PDB file of all heavy atoms in Angstrom:
ATOM      1  N   LYS A   1       0.837  -1.199   0.000  1.00  0.00           N
ATOM      2  CA  LYS A   1       0.000   0.000   0.000  1.00  0.00           C
ATOM      3  C   LYS A   1       0.879   1.260   0.000  1.00  0.00           C
ATOM      4  O   LYS A   1       1.951   1.254   0.610  1.00  0.00           O
ATOM      5  CB  LYS A   1      -0.909   0.005   1.238  1.00  0.00           C
ATOM      6  CG  LYS A   1      -1.683  -1.272   1.500  1.00  0.00           C
ATOM      7  CD  LYS A   1      -2.688  -1.572   0.424  1.00  0.00           C
ATOM      8  CE  LYS A   1      -3.633  -2.691   0.861  1.00  0.00           C
ATOM      9  NZ  LYS A   1      -2.973  -3.954   1.245  1.00  0.00           N
ATOM     10  N   PRO A   2       0.432   2.336  -0.620  1.00  0.00           N
ATOM     11  CA  PRO A   2      -0.784   2.371  -1.421  1.00  0.00           C
ATOM     12  C   PRO A   2      -0.611   1.654  -2.752  1.00  0.00           C
ATOM     13  O   PRO A   2       0.472   1.643  -3.335  1.00  0.00           O
ATOM     14  CB  PRO A   2      -1.020   3.871  -1.637  1.00  0.00           C
ATOM     15  CG  PRO A   2       0.346   4.475  -1.587  1.00  0.00           C
ATOM     16  CD  PRO A   2       1.094   3.663  -0.573  1.00  0.00           C
ATOM     17  N   ILE A   3      -1.688   1.059  -3.210  1.00  0.00           N
ATOM     18  CA  ILE A   3      -1.721   0.395  -4.510  1.00  0.00           C
ATOM     19  C   ILE A   3      -2.069   1.450  -5.560  1.00  0.00           C
ATOM     20  O   ILE A   3      -3.056   2.172  -5.415  1.00  0.00           O
ATOM     21  CB  ILE A   3      -2.791  -0.711  -4.525  1.00  0.00           C
ATOM     22  CG1 ILE A   3      -2.570  -1.683  -3.359  1.00  0.00           C
ATOM     23  CG2 ILE A   3      -2.819  -1.432  -5.858  1.00  0.00           C
ATOM     24  CD1 ILE A   3      -3.810  -2.483  -3.003  1.00  0.00           C
ATOM     25  N   LYS A   4      -1.245   1.541  -6.604  1.00  0.00           N
ATOM     26  CA  LYS A   4      -1.482   2.545  -7.645  1.00  0.00           C
ATOM     27  C   LYS A   4      -1.550   1.826  -8.993  1.00  0.00           C
ATOM     28  O   LYS A   4      -0.528   1.382  -9.506  1.00  0.00           O
ATOM     29  CB  LYS A   4      -0.374   3.608  -7.621  1.00  0.00           C
ATOM     30  CG  LYS A   4      -0.324   4.395  -6.314  1.00  0.00           C
ATOM     31  CD  LYS A   4       0.875   5.320  -6.229  1.00  0.00           C
ATOM     32  CE  LYS A   4       0.783   6.443  -7.211  1.00  0.00           C
ATOM     33  NZ  LYS A   4       1.882   7.435  -7.035  1.00  0.00           N
ATOM     34  N   TRP A   5      -2.752   1.713  -9.528  1.00  0.00           N
ATOM     35  CA  TRP A   5      -2.980   0.942 -10.749  1.00  0.00           C
ATOM     36  C   TRP A   5      -3.567   1.819 -11.842  1.00  0.00           C
ATOM     37  O   TRP A   5      -4.282   2.797 -11.573  1.00  0.00           O
ATOM     38  CB  TRP A   5      -3.951  -0.201 -10.478  1.00  0.00           C
ATOM     39  CG  TRP A   5      -3.350  -1.339  -9.720  1.00  0.00           C
ATOM     40  CD1 TRP A   5      -2.040  -1.563  -9.450  1.00  0.00           C
ATOM     41  CD2 TRP A   5      -4.075  -2.432  -9.121  1.00  0.00           C
ATOM     42  NE1 TRP A   5      -1.882  -2.726  -8.736  1.00  0.00           N
ATOM     43  CE2 TRP A   5      -3.100  -3.283  -8.518  1.00  0.00           C
ATOM     44  CE3 TRP A   5      -5.412  -2.779  -9.040  1.00  0.00           C
ATOM     45  CZ2 TRP A   5      -3.459  -4.456  -7.845  1.00  0.00           C
ATOM     46  CZ3 TRP A   5      -5.771  -3.945  -8.389  1.00  0.00           C
ATOM     47  CH2 TRP A   5      -4.800  -4.775  -7.791  1.00  0.00           C
ATOM     48  N   MET A   6      -3.288   1.433 -13.072  1.00  0.00           N
ATOM     49  CA  MET A   6      -3.903   2.111 -14.222  1.00  0.00           C
ATOM     50  C   MET A   6      -4.084   1.110 -15.345  1.00  0.00           C
ATOM     51  O   MET A   6      -3.379   0.101 -15.437  1.00  0.00           O
ATOM     52  CB  MET A   6      -3.069   3.311 -14.677  1.00  0.00           C
ATOM     53  CG  MET A   6      -1.746   2.981 -15.309  1.00  0.00           C
ATOM     54  SD  MET A   6      -1.813   2.868 -17.102  1.00  0.00           S
ATOM     55  CE  MET A   6      -0.048   2.772 -17.455  1.00  0.00           C
ATOM     56  N   SER A   7      -5.046   1.376 -16.225  1.00  0.00           N
ATOM     57  CA  SER A   7      -5.244   0.549 -17.417  1.00  0.00           C
ATOM     58  C   SER A   7      -6.096   1.315 -18.421  1.00  0.00           C
ATOM     59  O   SER A   7      -6.859   2.214 -18.056  1.00  0.00           O
ATOM     60  CB  SER A   7      -5.927  -0.780 -17.072  1.00  0.00           C
ATOM     61  OG  SER A   7      -7.276  -0.570 -16.684  1.00  0.00           O
ATOM     62  N   THR A   8      -5.940   0.940 -19.687  1.00  0.00           N
ATOM     63  CA  THR A   8      -6.779   1.463 -20.765  1.00  0.00           C
ATOM     64  C   THR A   8      -7.442   0.278 -21.455  1.00  0.00           C
ATOM     65  O   THR A   8      -6.740  -0.666 -21.851  1.00  0.00           O
ATOM     66  CB  THR A   8      -5.955   2.243 -21.793  1.00  0.00           C
ATOM     67  OG1 THR A   8      -5.357   3.386 -21.170  1.00  0.00           O
ATOM     68  CG2 THR A   8      -6.822   2.720 -22.954  1.00  0.00           C
ATOM     69  N   ARG A   9      -8.757   0.319 -21.583  1.00  0.00           N
ATOM     70  CA  ARG A   9      -9.467  -0.813 -22.177  1.00  0.00           C
ATOM     71  C   ARG A   9     -10.891  -0.421 -22.534  1.00  0.00           C
ATOM     72  O   ARG A   9     -11.382   0.636 -22.131  1.00  0.00           O
ATOM     73  CB  ARG A   9      -9.473  -2.004 -21.225  1.00  0.00           C
ATOM     74  CG  ARG A   9      -9.910  -1.675 -19.816  1.00  0.00           C
ATOM     75  CD  ARG A   9     -10.493  -2.882 -19.110  1.00  0.00           C
ATOM     76  NE  ARG A   9     -11.707  -3.320 -19.763  1.00  0.00           N
ATOM     77  CZ  ARG A   9     -12.439  -4.344 -19.331  1.00  0.00           C
ATOM     78  NH1 ARG A   9     -12.083  -5.043 -18.276  1.00  0.00           N
ATOM     79  NH2 ARG A   9     -13.556  -4.687 -19.967  1.00  0.00           N
ATOM     80  N   PRO A  10     -11.599  -1.284 -23.300  1.00  0.00           N
ATOM     81  CA  PRO A  10     -12.995  -0.987 -23.639  1.00  0.00           C
ATOM     82  C   PRO A  10     -13.958  -1.481 -22.568  1.00  0.00           C
ATOM     83  O   PRO A  10     -13.652  -2.407 -21.805  1.00  0.00           O
ATOM     84  CB  PRO A  10     -13.195  -1.761 -24.943  1.00  0.00           C
ATOM     85  CG  PRO A  10     -12.280  -2.933 -24.826  1.00  0.00           C
ATOM     86  CD  PRO A  10     -11.079  -2.433 -24.054  1.00  0.00           C
ATOM     87  N   PHE A  11     -15.138  -0.855 -22.542  1.00  0.00           N
ATOM     88  CA  PHE A  11     -16.251  -1.261 -21.682  1.00  0.00           C
ATOM     89  C   PHE A  11     -17.520  -1.248 -22.515  1.00  0.00           C
ATOM     90  O   PHE A  11     -17.558  -0.686 -23.614  1.00  0.00           O
ATOM     91  CB  PHE A  11     -16.377  -0.320 -20.479  1.00  0.00           C
ATOM     92  CG  PHE A  11     -15.164  -0.300 -19.603  1.00  0.00           C
ATOM     93  CD1 PHE A  11     -14.156   0.636 -19.812  1.00  0.00           C
ATOM     94  CD2 PHE A  11     -15.013  -1.225 -18.588  1.00  0.00           C
ATOM     95  CE1 PHE A  11     -13.020   0.645 -19.020  1.00  0.00           C
ATOM     96  CE2 PHE A  11     -13.875  -1.214 -17.789  1.00  0.00           C
ATOM     97  CZ  PHE A  11     -12.879  -0.283 -18.010  1.00  0.00           C
ATOM     98  N   TRP A  12     -18.586  -1.851 -21.940  1.00  0.00           N
ATOM     99  CA  TRP A  12     -19.818  -1.991 -22.707  1.00  0.00           C
ATOM    100  C   TRP A  12     -21.021  -1.706 -21.818  1.00  0.00           C
ATOM    101  O   TRP A  12     -21.136  -2.248 -20.708  1.00  0.00           O
ATOM    102  CB  TRP A  12     -19.928  -3.407 -23.258  1.00  0.00           C
ATOM    103  CG  TRP A  12     -18.787  -3.777 -24.164  1.00  0.00           C
ATOM    104  CD1 TRP A  12     -18.726  -3.641 -25.516  1.00  0.00           C
ATOM    105  CD2 TRP A  12     -17.523  -4.335 -23.772  1.00  0.00           C
ATOM    106  NE1 TRP A  12     -17.518  -4.075 -25.991  1.00  0.00           N
ATOM    107  CE2 TRP A  12     -16.755  -4.511 -24.959  1.00  0.00           C
ATOM    108  CE3 TRP A  12     -16.966  -4.710 -22.542  1.00  0.00           C
ATOM    109  CZ2 TRP A  12     -15.468  -5.041 -24.936  1.00  0.00           C
ATOM    110  CZ3 TRP A  12     -15.686  -5.230 -22.521  1.00  0.00           C
ATOM    111  CH2 TRP A  12     -14.949  -5.393 -23.703  1.00  0.00           C
ATOM    112  N   ARG A  13     -21.902  -0.855 -22.319  1.00  0.00           N
ATOM    113  CA  ARG A  13     -23.162  -0.577 -21.640  1.00  0.00           C
ATOM    114  C   ARG A  13     -24.256  -0.471 -22.686  1.00  0.00           C
ATOM    115  O   ARG A  13     -24.084   0.194 -23.714  1.00  0.00           O
ATOM    116  CB  ARG A  13     -23.104   0.740 -20.851  1.00  0.00           C
ATOM    117  CG  ARG A  13     -22.256   0.689 -19.603  1.00  0.00           C
ATOM    118  CD  ARG A  13     -22.273   2.014 -18.886  1.00  0.00           C
ATOM    119  NE  ARG A  13     -21.327   2.047 -17.782  1.00  0.00           N
ATOM    120  CZ  ARG A  13     -20.837   3.152 -17.249  1.00  0.00           C
ATOM    121  NH1 ARG A  13     -21.209   4.330 -17.719  1.00  0.00           N
ATOM    122  NH2 ARG A  13     -19.974   3.099 -16.256  1.00  0.00           N
ATOM    123  N   TYR A  14     -25.389  -1.085 -22.411  1.00  0.00           N
ATOM    124  CA  TYR A  14     -26.518  -0.995 -23.336  1.00  0.00           C
ATOM    125  C   TYR A  14     -27.342   0.226 -22.945  1.00  0.00           C
ATOM    126  O   TYR A  14     -28.204   0.172 -22.083  1.00  0.00           O
ATOM    127  CB  TYR A  14     -27.376  -2.259 -23.301  1.00  0.00           C
ATOM    128  CG  TYR A  14     -28.328  -2.330 -24.468  1.00  0.00           C
ATOM    129  CD1 TYR A  14     -27.900  -2.848 -25.685  1.00  0.00           C
ATOM    130  CD2 TYR A  14     -29.617  -1.839 -24.374  1.00  0.00           C
ATOM    131  CE1 TYR A  14     -28.744  -2.906 -26.779  1.00  0.00           C
ATOM    132  CE2 TYR A  14     -30.471  -1.878 -25.458  1.00  0.00           C
ATOM    133  CZ  TYR A  14     -30.040  -2.417 -26.657  1.00  0.00           C
ATOM    134  OH  TYR A  14     -30.874  -2.449 -27.737  1.00  0.00           O
ATOM    135  N   GLU A  15     -27.026   1.361 -23.569  1.00  0.00           N
ATOM    136  CA  GLU A  15     -27.692   2.606 -23.230  1.00  0.00           C
ATOM    137  C   GLU A  15     -27.909   3.438 -24.484  1.00  0.00           C
ATOM    138  O   GLU A  15     -27.438   3.103 -25.570  1.00  0.00           O
ATOM    139  CB  GLU A  15     -26.876   3.387 -22.195  1.00  0.00           C
ATOM    140  CG  GLU A  15     -25.472   3.747 -22.640  1.00  0.00           C
ATOM    141  CD  GLU A  15     -24.680   4.418 -21.526  1.00  0.00           C
ATOM    142  OE1 GLU A  15     -25.213   4.590 -20.426  1.00  0.00           O
ATOM    143  OE2 GLU A  15     -23.518   4.780 -21.770  1.00  0.00           O
ATOM    144  N   GLN A  16     -28.612   4.543 -24.324  1.00  0.00           N
ATOM    145  CA  GLN A  16     -28.917   5.404 -25.456  1.00  0.00           C
ATOM    146  C   GLN A  16     -27.654   6.049 -26.001  1.00  0.00           C
ATOM    147  O   GLN A  16     -26.872   6.627 -25.248  1.00  0.00           O
ATOM    148  CB  GLN A  16     -29.921   6.499 -25.039  1.00  0.00           C
ATOM    149  CG  GLN A  16     -30.408   7.376 -26.172  1.00  0.00           C
ATOM    150  CD  GLN A  16     -31.180   6.617 -27.228  1.00  0.00           C
ATOM    151  OE1 GLN A  16     -31.967   5.729 -26.910  1.00  0.00           O
ATOM    152  NE2 GLN A  16     -30.965   6.962 -28.494  1.00  0.00           N
ATOM    153  N   VAL A  17     -27.470   5.964 -27.306  1.00  0.00           N
ATOM    154  CA  VAL A  17     -26.303   6.568 -27.947  1.00  0.00           C
ATOM    155  C   VAL A  17     -26.531   8.064 -28.087  1.00  0.00           C
ATOM    156  O   VAL A  17     -27.587   8.505 -28.545  1.00  0.00           O
ATOM    157  CB  VAL A  17     -26.045   5.912 -29.326  1.00  0.00           C
ATOM    158  CG1 VAL A  17     -24.859   6.571 -30.021  1.00  0.00           C
ATOM    159  CG2 VAL A  17     -25.808   4.416 -29.161  1.00  0.00           C
ATOM    160  N   GLN A  18     -25.549   8.875 -27.695  1.00  0.00           N
ATOM    161  CA  GLN A  18     -25.643  10.333 -27.807  1.00  0.00           C
ATOM    162  C   GLN A  18     -24.241  10.913 -27.896  1.00  0.00           C
ATOM    163  O   GLN A  18     -23.266  10.160 -28.003  1.00  0.00           O
ATOM    164  CB  GLN A  18     -26.393  10.906 -26.607  1.00  0.00           C
ATOM    165  CG  GLN A  18     -25.829  10.476 -25.262  1.00  0.00           C
ATOM    166  CD  GLN A  18     -26.657  10.952 -24.095  1.00  0.00           C
ATOM    167  OE1 GLN A  18     -26.601  12.133 -23.744  1.00  0.00           O
ATOM    168  NE2 GLN A  18     -27.431  10.054 -23.493  1.00  0.00           N
ATOM    169  N   GLN A  19     -24.145  12.243 -27.884  1.00  0.00           N
ATOM    170  CA  GLN A  19     -22.839  12.886 -28.033  1.00  0.00           C
ATOM    171  C   GLN A  19     -21.856  12.355 -27.001  1.00  0.00           C
ATOM    172  O   GLN A  19     -22.064  12.438 -25.795  1.00  0.00           O
ATOM    173  CB  GLN A  19     -22.954  14.402 -27.877  1.00  0.00           C
ATOM    174  CG  GLN A  19     -21.617  15.130 -28.141  1.00  0.00           C
ATOM    175  CD  GLN A  19     -21.605  16.553 -27.604  1.00  0.00           C
ATOM    176  OE1 GLN A  19     -22.061  16.808 -26.497  1.00  0.00           O
ATOM    177  NE2 GLN A  19     -21.086  17.475 -28.386  1.00  0.00           N
ATOM    178  N   GLY A  20     -20.748  11.793 -27.500  1.00  0.00           N
ATOM    179  CA  GLY A  20     -19.702  11.316 -26.618  1.00  0.00           C
ATOM    180  C   GLY A  20     -20.046  10.071 -25.829  1.00  0.00           C
ATOM    181  O   GLY A  20     -19.304   9.680 -24.931  1.00  0.00           O
ATOM    182  N   ARG A  21     -21.165   9.409 -26.151  1.00  0.00           N
ATOM    183  CA  ARG A  21     -21.562   8.213 -25.401  1.00  0.00           C
ATOM    184  C   ARG A  21     -21.918   7.111 -26.392  1.00  0.00           C
ATOM    185  O   ARG A  21     -22.791   7.279 -27.243  1.00  0.00           O
ATOM    186  CB  ARG A  21     -22.734   8.512 -24.475  1.00  0.00           C
ATOM    187  CG  ARG A  21     -23.263   7.279 -23.731  1.00  0.00           C
ATOM    188  CD  ARG A  21     -24.283   7.661 -22.685  1.00  0.00           C
ATOM    189  NE  ARG A  21     -23.656   8.340 -21.548  1.00  0.00           N
ATOM    190  CZ  ARG A  21     -24.349   8.807 -20.510  1.00  0.00           C
ATOM    191  NH1 ARG A  21     -25.660   8.689 -20.465  1.00  0.00           N
ATOM    192  NH2 ARG A  21     -23.712   9.414 -19.509  1.00  0.00           N
ATOM    193  N   PHE A  22     -21.237   5.979 -26.254  1.00  0.00           N
ATOM    194  CA  PHE A  22     -21.450   4.849 -27.138  1.00  0.00           C
ATOM    195  C   PHE A  22     -21.661   3.593 -26.301  1.00  0.00           C
ATOM    196  O   PHE A  22     -21.453   3.592 -25.092  1.00  0.00           O
ATOM    197  CB  PHE A  22     -20.240   4.665 -28.069  1.00  0.00           C
ATOM    198  CG  PHE A  22     -19.977   5.857 -28.952  1.00  0.00           C
ATOM    199  CD1 PHE A  22     -19.153   6.884 -28.530  1.00  0.00           C
ATOM    200  CD2 PHE A  22     -20.582   5.945 -30.200  1.00  0.00           C
ATOM    201  CE1 PHE A  22     -18.920   7.984 -29.334  1.00  0.00           C
ATOM    202  CE2 PHE A  22     -20.354   7.040 -31.012  1.00  0.00           C
ATOM    203  CZ  PHE A  22     -19.526   8.069 -30.581  1.00  0.00           C
ATOM    204  N   ARG A  23     -22.074   2.522 -26.948  1.00  0.00           N
ATOM    205  CA  ARG A  23     -22.309   1.275 -26.220  1.00  0.00           C
ATOM    206  C   ARG A  23     -21.013   0.507 -25.977  1.00  0.00           C
ATOM    207  O   ARG A  23     -20.939  -0.280 -25.048  1.00  0.00           O
ATOM    208  CB  ARG A  23     -23.343   0.431 -26.972  1.00  0.00           C
ATOM    209  CG  ARG A  23     -24.734   1.056 -26.881  1.00  0.00           C
ATOM    210  CD  ARG A  23     -25.769   0.350 -27.711  1.00  0.00           C
ATOM    211  NE  ARG A  23     -27.079   0.976 -27.483  1.00  0.00           N
ATOM    212  CZ  ARG A  23     -28.167   0.716 -28.195  1.00  0.00           C
ATOM    213  NH1 ARG A  23     -28.102  -0.155 -29.193  1.00  0.00           N
ATOM    214  NH2 ARG A  23     -29.306   1.320 -27.929  1.00  0.00           N
ATOM    215  N   GLU A  24     -20.046   0.736 -26.805  1.00  0.00           N
ATOM    216  CA  GLU A  24     -18.689   0.287 -26.523  1.00  0.00           C
ATOM    217  C   GLU A  24     -17.829   1.533 -26.431  1.00  0.00           C
ATOM    218  O   GLU A  24     -17.836   2.358 -27.344  1.00  0.00           O
ATOM    219  CB  GLU A  24     -18.161  -0.632 -27.622  1.00  0.00           C
ATOM    220  CG  GLU A  24     -16.737  -1.118 -27.349  1.00  0.00           C
ATOM    221  CD  GLU A  24     -16.197  -2.006 -28.462  1.00  0.00           C
ATOM    222  OE1 GLU A  24     -16.189  -1.551 -29.628  1.00  0.00           O
ATOM    223  OE2 GLU A  24     -15.797  -3.141 -28.167  1.00  0.00           O
TER     224      GLU A  24
END
């Protein structure tokens, strides 16, 4: 401790598509 983590990756949500918001 302290634990310091980072990552870059995709996520998925089934929601309404709009400006700057996608399902992936």
